[in-house]
C-alpha atoms as a PDB file:
ATOM      1  CA  MET A   1      61.108 107.994 160.756  1.00  0.00           C
ATOM      2  CA  VAL A   2      61.045 105.989 157.521  1.00  0.00           C
ATOM      3  CA  ASP A   3      64.241 104.323 156.452  1.00  0.00           C
ATOM      4  CA  PRO A   4      65.136 105.156 152.796  1.00  0.00           C
ATOM      5  CA  LEU A   5      66.678 101.707 152.331  1.00  0.00           C
ATOM      6  CA  LYS A   6      63.407 100.017 153.348  1.00  0.00           C
ATOM      7  CA  GLU A   7      61.502 102.252 150.930  1.00  0.00           C
ATOM      8  CA  ARG A   8      63.891 101.319 148.143  1.00  0.00           C
ATOM      9  CA  LEU A   9      63.607  97.628 149.047  1.00  0.00           C
ATOM     10  CA  ASP A  10      59.787  97.832 148.933  1.00  0.00           C
ATOM     11  CA  LYS A  11      59.950  99.470 145.492  1.00  0.00           C
ATOM     12  CA  LEU A  12      62.291  96.753 144.241  1.00  0.00           C
ATOM     13  CA  ARG A  13      59.940  94.040 145.577  1.00  0.00           C
ATOM     14  CA  LYS A  14      56.996  95.666 143.791  1.00  0.00           C
ATOM     15  CA  PHE A  15      58.996  95.867 140.554  1.00  0.00           C
ATOM     16  CA  SER A  16      60.011  92.233 140.946  1.00  0.00           C
ATOM     17  CA  ASP A  17      56.420  91.117 141.549  1.00  0.00           C
ATOM     18  CA  SER A  18      55.243  93.104 138.544  1.00  0.00           C
ATOM     19  CA  ALA A  19      57.938  91.571 136.327  1.00  0.00           C
ATOM     20  CA  LYS A  20      57.031  88.060 137.517  1.00  0.00           C
ATOM     21  CA  ARG A  21      53.328  88.628 136.800  1.00  0.00           C
ATOM     22  CA  ARG A  22      54.133  90.007 133.349  1.00  0.00           C
ATOM     23  CA  ALA A  23      56.441  87.074 132.563  1.00  0.00           C
ATOM     24  CA  ASN A  24      53.750  84.614 133.682  1.00  0.00           C
ATOM     25  CA  LEU A  25      51.176  86.385 131.545  1.00  0.00           C
ATOM     26  CA  TYR A  26      53.427  86.231 128.486  1.00  0.00           C
ATOM     27  CA  SER A  27      54.146  82.536 129.030  1.00  0.00           C
ATOM     28  CA  GLU A  28      50.410  81.803 129.375  1.00  0.00           C
ATOM     29  CA  ILE A  29      49.700  83.706 126.160  1.00  0.00           C
ATOM     30  CA  THR A  30      52.178  81.529 124.285  1.00  0.00           C
ATOM     31  CA  ASN A  31      50.363  78.437 125.586  1.00  0.00           C
ATOM     32  CA  ILE A  32      47.112  79.693 124.037  1.00  0.00           C
ATOM     33  CA  GLY A  33      48.474  79.222 120.515  1.00  0.00           C
ATOM     34  CA  ASP A  34      47.131  75.706 120.006  1.00  0.00           C
ATOM     35  CA  LYS A  35      45.715  74.502 116.707  1.00  0.00           C
ATOM     36  CA  HIS A  36      42.044  75.085 117.541  1.00  0.00           C
ATOM     37  CA  THR A  37      42.611  78.701 118.575  1.00  0.00           C
ATOM     38  CA  ALA A  38      44.674  79.344 115.451  1.00  0.00           C
ATOM     39  CA  ASN A  39      41.929  77.828 113.282  1.00  0.00           C
ATOM     40  CA  SER A  40      39.254  79.936 114.965  1.00  0.00           C
ATOM     41  CA  LEU A  41      41.207  83.151 114.559  1.00  0.00           C
ATOM     42  CA  GLY A  42      42.057  82.216 110.974  1.00  0.00           C
ATOM     43  CA  ALA A  43      38.373  81.690 110.225  1.00  0.00           C
ATOM     44  CA  LEU A  44      37.650  85.198 111.486  1.00  0.00           C
ATOM     45  CA  GLN A  45      40.241  86.635 109.102  1.00  0.00           C
ATOM     46  CA  LYS A  46      38.926  84.904 105.963  1.00  0.00           C
ATOM     47  CA  ALA A  47      36.707  86.485 103.359  1.00  0.00           C
ATOM     48  CA  PRO A  48      33.108  86.610 104.563  1.00  0.00           C
ATOM     49  CA  ALA A  49      30.616  84.019 103.318  1.00  0.00           C
ATOM     50  CA  PRO A  50      32.343  82.244 100.411  1.00  0.00           C
ATOM     51  CA  GLY A  51      29.593  79.621 100.489  1.00  0.00           C
ATOM     52  CA  LYS A  52      26.812  82.155  99.974  1.00  0.00           C
ATOM     53  CA  LYS A  53      28.468  83.419  96.805  1.00  0.00           C
ATOM     54  CA  LEU A  54      28.876  79.888  95.488  1.00  0.00           C
ATOM     55  CA  GLN A  55      25.237  79.124  96.279  1.00  0.00           C
ATOM     56  CA  LYS A  56      24.051  82.213  94.413  1.00  0.00           C
ATOM     57  CA  ILE A  57      26.079  81.288  91.338  1.00  0.00           C
ATOM     58  CA  GLY A  58      24.715  77.734  91.546  1.00  0.00           C
ATOM     59  CA  PHE A  59      21.123  78.967  91.691  1.00  0.00           C
ATOM     60  CA  LEU A  60      21.735  81.275  88.735  1.00  0.00           C
ATOM     61  CA  MET A  61      23.163  78.413  86.705  1.00  0.00           C
ATOM     62  CA  LEU A  62      20.267  76.171  87.713  1.00  0.00           C
ATOM     63  CA  TRP A  63      17.663  78.692  86.525  1.00  0.00           C
ATOM     64  CA  ILE A  64      19.343  79.640  83.230  1.00  0.00           C
ATOM     65  CA  PRO A  65      17.414  77.968  80.410  1.00  0.00           C
ATOM     66  CA  GLU A  66      19.694  75.922  78.201  1.00  0.00           C
ATOM     67  CA  PRO A  67      18.831  73.102  75.813  1.00  0.00           C
ATOM     68  CA  THR A  68      21.686  70.769  76.789  1.00  0.00           C
ATOM     69  CA  GLY A  69      21.194  70.994  80.568  1.00  0.00           C
ATOM     70  CA  ILE A  70      24.881  71.349  81.393  1.00  0.00           C
ATOM     71  CA  THR A  71      24.269  74.363  83.618  1.00  0.00           C
ATOM     72  CA  CYS A  72      21.659  72.378  85.556  1.00  0.00           C
ATOM     73  CA  ALA A  73      24.195  69.605  86.079  1.00  0.00           C
ATOM     74  CA  ILE A  74      26.765  72.123  87.316  1.00  0.00           C
ATOM     75  CA  GLY A  75      24.373  74.281  89.358  1.00  0.00           C
ATOM     76  CA  GLY A  76      23.269  71.525  91.755  1.00  0.00           C
ATOM     77  CA  PRO A  77      26.755  70.559  92.953  1.00  0.00           C
ATOM     78  CA  MET A  78      27.638  74.248  93.302  1.00  0.00           C
ATOM     79  CA  ILE A  79      24.663  74.746  95.633  1.00  0.00           C
ATOM     80  CA  VAL A  80      25.682  71.705  97.701  1.00  0.00           C
ATOM     81  CA  ALA A  81      29.288  72.898  97.846  1.00  0.00           C
ATOM     82  CA  GLY A  82      28.118  76.358  98.926  1.00  0.00           C
ATOM     83  CA  ARG A  83      26.091  74.857 101.768  1.00  0.00           C
ATOM     84  CA  TYR A  84      29.103  72.837 102.864  1.00  0.00           C
ATOM     85  CA  LEU A  85      31.291  75.950 102.855  1.00  0.00           C
ATOM     86  CA  ASP A  86      28.668  77.787 104.907  1.00  0.00           C
ATOM     87  CA  LYS A  87      28.962  75.103 107.565  1.00  0.00           C
ATOM     88  CA  LYS A  88      32.758  74.945 107.370  1.00  0.00           C
ATOM     89  CA  TYR A  89      33.599  78.659 107.243  1.00  0.00           C
ATOM     90  CA  ASN A  90      31.934  81.212 109.435  1.00  0.00           C
ATOM     91  CA  GLY A  91      30.582  84.219 107.567  1.00  0.00           C
ATOM     92  CA  SER A  92      31.460  86.662 110.332  1.00  0.00           C
ATOM     93  CA  THR A  93      34.614  88.758 110.453  1.00  0.00           C
ATOM     94  CA  LEU A  94      36.479  90.409 113.310  1.00  0.00           C
ATOM     95  CA  HIS A  95      34.499  93.594 112.671  1.00  0.00           C
ATOM     96  CA  ASP A  96      31.236  91.682 113.146  1.00  0.00           C
ATOM     97  CA  VAL A  97      32.460  90.139 116.393  1.00  0.00           C
ATOM     98  CA  GLY A  98      33.485  93.544 117.767  1.00  0.00           C
ATOM     99  CA  HIS A  99      30.182  95.099 116.738  1.00  0.00           C
ATOM    100  CA  GLN A 100      28.174  92.309 118.380  1.00  0.00           C
ATOM    101  CA  THR A 101      30.290  92.537 121.545  1.00  0.00           C
ATOM    102  CA  LYS A 102      29.629  96.267 121.746  1.00  0.00           C
ATOM    103  CA  ASN A 103      25.895  95.675 121.333  1.00  0.00           C
ATOM    104  CA  THR A 104      25.919  93.026 124.050  1.00  0.00           C
ATOM    105  CA  MET A 105      27.837  95.260 126.438  1.00  0.00           C
ATOM    106  CA  SER A 106      25.412  98.140 125.877  1.00  0.00           C
ATOM    107  CA  SER A 107      22.475  95.764 126.479  1.00  0.00           C
ATOM    108  CA  ILE A 108      24.044  94.558 129.723  1.00  0.00           C
ATOM    109  CA  ARG A 109      24.723  98.160 130.760  1.00  0.00           C
ATOM    110  CA  ASP A 110      21.120  99.145 129.973  1.00  0.00           C
ATOM    111  CA  PHE A 111      19.786  96.204 131.973  1.00  0.00           C
ATOM    112  CA  LYS A 112      22.066  97.033 134.903  1.00  0.00           C
ATOM    113  CA  ASN A 113      20.975 100.670 134.868  1.00  0.00           C
ATOM    114  CA  SER A 114      17.284  99.708 134.755  1.00  0.00           C
ATOM    115  CA  VAL A 115      17.684  97.374 137.726  1.00  0.00           C
ATOM    116  CA  ILE A 116      19.603  99.864 139.852  1.00  0.00           C
END
C-alpha cells in the first residue's frame, strides 16, 4: 500500500526541483544581457538599410547635372557614408530572421524526410 505522506513528499520534491530549475534559468537569462547581445538585438530593431537609402540619394545627387558641381561634391561623401552604414548596421530585421529560420527549418525537415 502506498503511503499518502510519501506521495505528498515526492510531489513537494518535484515542485522544489522545478522551482530550482526555473530560478536557475531566470538567473542565466539575466547574465545574457551583456553589451554585445544588447547591441545585436538593438541592430535587429533598427530601421532596415539606412545606408542603402543614403547611397541612393548620393548617386542621384552625383548624376544631377549642375553647373557649379556642388551636388557632385556632396554626392560622393554620401555614397561613402552609405557604404559605411551598410557595414555598421545590418539591413535585416527580426521579421527577416524569423523568415530565414523558418526556411532553414523546412529545408532541414525536407532533407531529413528524403533521407529516411
